[in-house]
């Protein structure tokens, strides 16, 4: 009799565990929005609770586009709208697209252009393949801590960056998920 109770109990526990696992696998991940630019040739996903801005930050000598992602909070909205006393902006994820007039490699651009913030790094960059392209990754420290991934795409240099306060900040996971979702066209 005791043996039968143990077997039935184990069976019930196994079925419950399977039901929980099955339910968690079928639940959709956090809802996301999609950004795509055919002129730049880049697309990526980002969380619904983030605000995306696209700004032309270039000059007549060099085209530059900045795509800025910040968590869509009341405080961040007030900063974006200029309704708070002047202060530094919130931590953010940025996708900067720079015209690569010099036709530099990703590493050459990182080491030679001040936009890269590489001079704020105390480490050597990591060279790796990202989306079938030579890429450079490095950490830097300025007003915020930062990490950037840089690669050449079409006639441009693309720099994907995240700024954060602490290595455990949730924005780092958002950045990693975004990096995985990037599609180049």
C-alpha atoms as a PDB file:
ATOM      1  CA  UNK A   1       0.000   0.000   0.000  1.00  0.00           C
ATOM      2  CA  UNK A   2       2.776   2.481   0.966  1.00  0.00           C
ATOM      3  CA  UNK A   3       4.594   1.665  -2.223  1.00  0.00           C
ATOM      4  CA  UNK A   4       1.523   2.454  -4.293  1.00  0.00           C
ATOM      5  CA  UNK A   5       1.122   5.844  -2.542  1.00  0.00           C
ATOM      6  CA  UNK A   6       4.776   6.694  -3.247  1.00  0.00           C
ATOM      7  CA  UNK A   7       4.452   5.774  -6.937  1.00  0.00           C
ATOM      8  CA  UNK A   8       1.193   7.735  -7.339  1.00  0.00           C
ATOM      9  CA  UNK A   9       2.718  10.726  -5.490  1.00  0.00           C
ATOM     10  CA  UNK A  10       5.803  10.657  -7.713  1.00  0.00           C
ATOM     11  CA  UNK A  11       3.592  10.441 -10.803  1.00  0.00           C
ATOM     12  CA  UNK A  12       1.485  13.414  -9.701  1.00  0.00           C
ATOM     13  CA  UNK A  13       4.654  15.412  -8.957  1.00  0.00           C
ATOM     14  CA  UNK A  14       6.128  14.561 -12.382  1.00  0.00           C
ATOM     15  CA  UNK A  15       2.920  15.594 -14.183  1.00  0.00           C
ATOM     16  CA  UNK A  16       2.778  18.864 -12.245  1.00  0.00           C
ATOM     17  CA  UNK A  17       6.426  19.589 -13.063  1.00  0.00           C
ATOM     18  CA  UNK A  18       5.836  18.886 -16.756  1.00  0.00           C
ATOM     19  CA  UNK A  19       2.797  21.170 -16.758  1.00  0.00           C
ATOM     20  CA  UNK A  20       4.776  24.021 -15.184  1.00  0.00           C
ATOM     21  CA  UNK A  21       7.692  23.576 -17.611  1.00  0.00           C
ATOM     22  CA  UNK A  22       5.365  23.366 -20.595  1.00  0.00           C
ATOM     23  CA  UNK A  23       3.502  26.520 -19.539  1.00  0.00           C
ATOM     24  CA  UNK A  24       6.714  28.535 -19.018  1.00  0.00           C
ATOM     25  CA  UNK A  25       8.056  27.499 -22.446  1.00  0.00           C
ATOM     26  CA  UNK A  26       4.817  28.517 -24.157  1.00  0.00           C
ATOM     27  CA  UNK A  27       4.579  31.906 -22.448  1.00  0.00           C
ATOM     28  CA  UNK A  28       5.758  34.687 -24.718  1.00  0.00           C
ATOM     29  CA  UNK A  29       8.934  36.524 -23.795  1.00  0.00           C
ATOM     30  CA  UNK A  30       8.675  40.153 -22.782  1.00  0.00           C
ATOM     31  CA  UNK A  31       6.858  42.023 -25.532  1.00  0.00           C
ATOM     32  CA  UNK A  32       9.123  43.918 -27.865  1.00  0.00           C
ATOM     33  CA  UNK A  33       9.019  46.637 -30.467  1.00  0.00           C
ATOM     34  CA  UNK A  34      10.896  46.454 -33.752  1.00  0.00           C
ATOM     35  CA  UNK A  35      13.108  49.112 -35.345  1.00  0.00           C
ATOM     36  CA  UNK A  36      14.180  48.895 -38.963  1.00  0.00           C
ATOM     37  CA  UNK A  37      15.986  51.304 -41.269  1.00  0.00           C
ATOM     38  CA  UNK A  38      16.383  50.325 -44.900  1.00  0.00           C
ATOM     39  CA  UNK A  39      18.690  53.291 -45.572  1.00  0.00           C
ATOM     40  CA  UNK A  40      21.099  52.220 -42.829  1.00  0.00           C
ATOM     41  CA  UNK A  41      20.473  48.511 -43.344  1.00  0.00           C
ATOM     42  CA  UNK A  42      19.889  47.603 -39.712  1.00  0.00           C
ATOM     43  CA  UNK A  43      16.985  46.189 -37.726  1.00  0.00           C
ATOM     44  CA  UNK A  44      16.627  45.140 -34.086  1.00  0.00           C
ATOM     45  CA  UNK A  45      14.098  44.480 -31.343  1.00  0.00           C
ATOM     46  CA  UNK A  46      13.840  46.336 -28.054  1.00  0.00           C
ATOM     47  CA  UNK A  47      11.493  46.159 -25.031  1.00  0.00           C
ATOM     48  CA  UNK A  48       8.096  47.858 -25.048  1.00  0.00           C
ATOM     49  CA  UNK A  49       9.062  49.828 -21.955  1.00  0.00           C
ATOM     50  CA  UNK A  50      11.868  51.640 -23.808  1.00  0.00           C
ATOM     51  CA  UNK A  51      11.614  54.885 -25.762  1.00  0.00           C
ATOM     52  CA  UNK A  52      13.449  55.148 -29.102  1.00  0.00           C
ATOM     53  CA  UNK A  53      14.686  58.422 -30.606  1.00  0.00           C
ATOM     54  CA  UNK A  54      16.460  58.839 -33.932  1.00  0.00           C
ATOM     55  CA  UNK A  55      18.598  61.941 -34.357  1.00  0.00           C
ATOM     56  CA  UNK A  56      20.723  63.236 -37.204  1.00  0.00           C
ATOM     57  CA  UNK A  57      23.865  64.267 -35.313  1.00  0.00           C
ATOM     58  CA  UNK A  58      26.181  64.647 -38.281  1.00  0.00           C
ATOM     59  CA  UNK A  59      27.760  67.580 -40.007  1.00  0.00           C
ATOM     60  CA  UNK A  60      28.179  68.548 -43.657  1.00  0.00           C
ATOM     61  CA  UNK A  61      31.563  66.784 -43.567  1.00  0.00           C
ATOM     62  CA  UNK A  62      30.402  63.499 -41.978  1.00  0.00           C
ATOM     63  CA  UNK A  63      26.957  61.919 -41.808  1.00  0.00           C
ATOM     64  CA  UNK A  64      26.025  60.504 -38.435  1.00  0.00           C
ATOM     65  CA  UNK A  65      22.793  59.053 -37.087  1.00  0.00           C
ATOM     66  CA  UNK A  66      22.160  58.320 -33.424  1.00  0.00           C
ATOM     67  CA  UNK A  67      19.465  55.894 -32.321  1.00  0.00           C
ATOM     68  CA  UNK A  68      18.934  56.282 -28.580  1.00  0.00           C
ATOM     69  CA  UNK A  69      17.029  53.889 -26.349  1.00  0.00           C
ATOM     70  CA  UNK A  70      16.099  54.851 -22.787  1.00  0.00           C
ATOM     71  CA  UNK A  71      13.723  53.243 -20.355  1.00  0.00           C
ATOM     72  CA  UNK A  72      10.373  55.005 -20.737  1.00  0.00           C
ATOM     73  CA  UNK A  73       9.918  56.306 -17.185  1.00  0.00           C
ATOM     74  CA  UNK A  74       8.387  59.564 -15.979  1.00  0.00           C
ATOM     75  CA  UNK A  75      11.808  60.850 -14.899  1.00  0.00           C
ATOM     76  CA  UNK A  76      13.400  60.014 -18.262  1.00  0.00           C
ATOM     77  CA  UNK A  77      10.495  61.637 -20.135  1.00  0.00           C
ATOM     78  CA  UNK A  78      10.994  64.859 -18.169  1.00  0.00           C
ATOM     79  CA  UNK A  79      14.736  64.810 -18.958  1.00  0.00           C
ATOM     80  CA  UNK A  80      14.060  64.226 -22.686  1.00  0.00           C
ATOM     81  CA  UNK A  81      11.537  67.063 -22.773  1.00  0.00           C
ATOM     82  CA  UNK A  82      13.860  69.470 -20.925  1.00  0.00           C
ATOM     83  CA  UNK A  83      11.419  69.833 -18.023  1.00  0.00           C
ATOM     84  CA  UNK A  84      13.943  69.111 -15.271  1.00  0.00           C
ATOM     85  CA  UNK A  85      16.861  71.131 -14.009  1.00  0.00           C
ATOM     86  CA  UNK A  86      19.920  70.527 -16.221  1.00  0.00           C
ATOM     87  CA  UNK A  87      21.638  67.249 -15.439  1.00  0.00           C
ATOM     88  CA  UNK A  88      23.284  64.358 -17.180  1.00  0.00           C
ATOM     89  CA  UNK A  89      20.995  62.138 -19.184  1.00  0.00           C
ATOM     90  CA  UNK A  90      19.863  58.687 -18.092  1.00  0.00           C
ATOM     91  CA  UNK A  91      21.773  55.517 -18.865  1.00  0.00           C
ATOM     92  CA  UNK A  92      21.007  54.453 -22.411  1.00  0.00           C
ATOM     93  CA  UNK A  93      21.610  52.098 -25.284  1.00  0.00           C
ATOM     94  CA  UNK A  94      22.828  53.866 -28.408  1.00  0.00           C
ATOM     95  CA  UNK A  95      23.300  52.792 -31.985  1.00  0.00           C
ATOM     96  CA  UNK A  96      25.572  55.318 -33.671  1.00  0.00           C
ATOM     97  CA  UNK A  97      26.079  55.106 -37.415  1.00  0.00           C
ATOM     98  CA  UNK A  98      29.074  57.085 -38.681  1.00  0.00           C
ATOM     99  CA  UNK A  99      29.926  57.693 -42.318  1.00  0.00           C
ATOM    100  CA  UNK A 100      33.221  55.862 -42.846  1.00  0.00           C
ATOM    101  CA  UNK A 101      34.818  58.242 -45.352  1.00  0.00           C
ATOM    102  CA  UNK A 102      38.302  56.954 -44.516  1.00  0.00           C
ATOM    103  CA  UNK A 103      37.214  53.326 -45.084  1.00  0.00           C
ATOM    104  CA  UNK A 104      38.742  52.299 -41.746  1.00  0.00           C
ATOM    105  CA  UNK A 105      38.446  48.830 -40.295  1.00  0.00           C
ATOM    106  CA  UNK A 106      36.441  48.550 -37.079  1.00  0.00           C
ATOM    107  CA  UNK A 107      39.641  48.308 -35.041  1.00  0.00           C
ATOM    108  CA  UNK A 108      41.254  51.220 -36.893  1.00  0.00           C
ATOM    109  CA  UNK A 109      38.180  53.334 -36.263  1.00  0.00           C
ATOM    110  CA  UNK A 110      38.044  52.414 -32.550  1.00  0.00           C
ATOM    111  CA  UNK A 111      41.715  53.245 -32.024  1.00  0.00           C
ATOM    112  CA  UNK A 112      41.754  56.365 -34.205  1.00  0.00           C
ATOM    113  CA  UNK A 113      38.454  58.186 -33.672  1.00  0.00           C
ATOM    114  CA  UNK A 114      37.550  60.018 -30.466  1.00  0.00           C
ATOM    115  CA  UNK A 115      33.847  59.156 -30.936  1.00  0.00           C
ATOM    116  CA  UNK A 116      34.707  55.592 -29.914  1.00  0.00           C
ATOM    117  CA  UNK A 117      35.499  56.521 -26.277  1.00  0.00           C
ATOM    118  CA  UNK A 118      38.302  53.951 -26.500  1.00  0.00           C
ATOM    119  CA  UNK A 119      40.709  56.379 -24.836  1.00  0.00           C
ATOM    120  CA  UNK A 120      38.530  55.944 -21.727  1.00  0.00           C
ATOM    121  CA  UNK A 121      39.291  52.205 -21.697  1.00  0.00           C
ATOM    122  CA  UNK A 122      42.065  50.646 -19.659  1.00  0.00           C
ATOM    123  CA  UNK A 123      41.778  47.309 -21.491  1.00  0.00           C
ATOM    124  CA  UNK A 124      42.742  46.066 -24.918  1.00  0.00           C
ATOM    125  CA  UNK A 125      39.775  45.608 -27.251  1.00  0.00           C
ATOM    126  CA  UNK A 126      38.417  42.155 -28.018  1.00  0.00           C
ATOM    127  CA  UNK A 127      38.375  41.340 -31.732  1.00  0.00           C
ATOM    128  CA  UNK A 128      35.652  38.881 -32.752  1.00  0.00           C
ATOM    129  CA  UNK A 129      33.157  38.052 -35.493  1.00  0.00           C
ATOM    130  CA  UNK A 130      29.711  39.603 -35.141  1.00  0.00           C
ATOM    131  CA  UNK A 131      27.016  38.966 -37.744  1.00  0.00           C
ATOM    132  CA  UNK A 132      29.713  37.721 -40.174  1.00  0.00           C
ATOM    133  CA  UNK A 133      31.796  40.894 -39.767  1.00  0.00           C
ATOM    134  CA  UNK A 134      35.016  41.744 -37.988  1.00  0.00           C
ATOM    135  CA  UNK A 135      34.015  43.536 -34.805  1.00  0.00           C
ATOM    136  CA  UNK A 136      35.621  45.109 -31.772  1.00  0.00           C
ATOM    137  CA  UNK A 137      34.261  45.066 -28.222  1.00  0.00           C
ATOM    138  CA  UNK A 138      35.612  47.064 -25.303  1.00  0.00           C
ATOM    139  CA  UNK A 139      34.594  48.573 -21.983  1.00  0.00           C
ATOM    140  CA  UNK A 140      35.211  52.169 -21.041  1.00  0.00           C
ATOM    141  CA  UNK A 141      34.665  54.372 -18.043  1.00  0.00           C
ATOM    142  CA  UNK A 142      33.682  58.030 -18.099  1.00  0.00           C
ATOM    143  CA  UNK A 143      30.678  59.729 -16.566  1.00  0.00           C
ATOM    144  CA  UNK A 144      29.074  56.265 -16.705  1.00  0.00           C
ATOM    145  CA  UNK A 145      30.478  52.822 -17.255  1.00  0.00           C
ATOM    146  CA  UNK A 146      30.127  51.751 -20.860  1.00  0.00           C
ATOM    147  CA  UNK A 147      30.533  48.887 -23.271  1.00  0.00           C
ATOM    148  CA  UNK A 148      30.661  49.189 -27.045  1.00  0.00           C
ATOM    149  CA  UNK A 149      30.607  46.840 -30.012  1.00  0.00           C
ATOM    150  CA  UNK A 150      31.867  48.347 -33.284  1.00  0.00           C
ATOM    151  CA  UNK A 151      31.814  46.975 -36.849  1.00  0.00           C
ATOM    152  CA  UNK A 152      31.838  48.204 -40.433  1.00  0.00           C
ATOM    153  CA  UNK A 153      28.595  47.904 -42.391  1.00  0.00           C
ATOM    154  CA  UNK A 154      28.028  49.214 -45.911  1.00  0.00           C
ATOM    155  CA  UNK A 155      29.749  52.628 -46.077  1.00  0.00           C
ATOM    156  CA  UNK A 156      29.477  53.136 -42.321  1.00  0.00           C
ATOM    157  CA  UNK A 157      30.882  52.286 -38.934  1.00  0.00           C
ATOM    158  CA  UNK A 158      28.218  51.076 -36.522  1.00  0.00           C
ATOM    159  CA  UNK A 159      28.824  51.481 -32.781  1.00  0.00           C
ATOM    160  CA  UNK A 160      26.378  49.769 -30.434  1.00  0.00           C
ATOM    161  CA  UNK A 161      26.860  50.967 -26.848  1.00  0.00           C
ATOM    162  CA  UNK A 162      25.318  50.701 -23.415  1.00  0.00           C
ATOM    163  CA  UNK A 163      25.942  52.962 -20.443  1.00  0.00           C
ATOM    164  CA  UNK A 164      25.297  51.812 -16.906  1.00  0.00           C
ATOM    165  CA  UNK A 165      26.082  52.493 -13.260  1.00  0.00           C
ATOM    166  CA  UNK A 166      26.688  48.953 -11.979  1.00  0.00           C
ATOM    167  CA  UNK A 167      27.447  45.668 -13.794  1.00  0.00           C
ATOM    168  CA  UNK A 168      24.167  44.246 -12.469  1.00  0.00           C
ATOM    169  CA  UNK A 169      21.983  46.975 -14.027  1.00  0.00           C
ATOM    170  CA  UNK A 170      19.049  45.501 -16.032  1.00  0.00           C
ATOM    171  CA  UNK A 171      19.931  47.668 -19.049  1.00  0.00           C
ATOM    172  CA  UNK A 172      22.901  45.371 -19.707  1.00  0.00           C
ATOM    173  CA  UNK A 173      20.559  42.411 -20.277  1.00  0.00           C
ATOM    174  CA  UNK A 174      18.420  44.584 -22.569  1.00  0.00           C
ATOM    175  CA  UNK A 175      21.589  45.482 -24.515  1.00  0.00           C
ATOM    176  CA  UNK A 176      22.655  41.828 -24.805  1.00  0.00           C
ATOM    177  CA  UNK A 177      19.179  40.841 -26.043  1.00  0.00           C
ATOM    178  CA  UNK A 178      19.245  43.689 -28.566  1.00  0.00           C
ATOM    179  CA  UNK A 179      22.680  42.589 -29.827  1.00  0.00           C
ATOM    180  CA  UNK A 180      21.263  39.114 -30.446  1.00  0.00           C
ATOM    181  CA  UNK A 181      18.278  40.485 -32.345  1.00  0.00           C
ATOM    182  CA  UNK A 182      20.252  42.719 -34.750  1.00  0.00           C
ATOM    183  CA  UNK A 183      19.749  41.962 -38.437  1.00  0.00           C
ATOM    184  CA  UNK A 184      21.939  43.599 -41.068  1.00  0.00           C
ATOM    185  CA  UNK A 185      20.671  44.107 -44.596  1.00  0.00           C
END
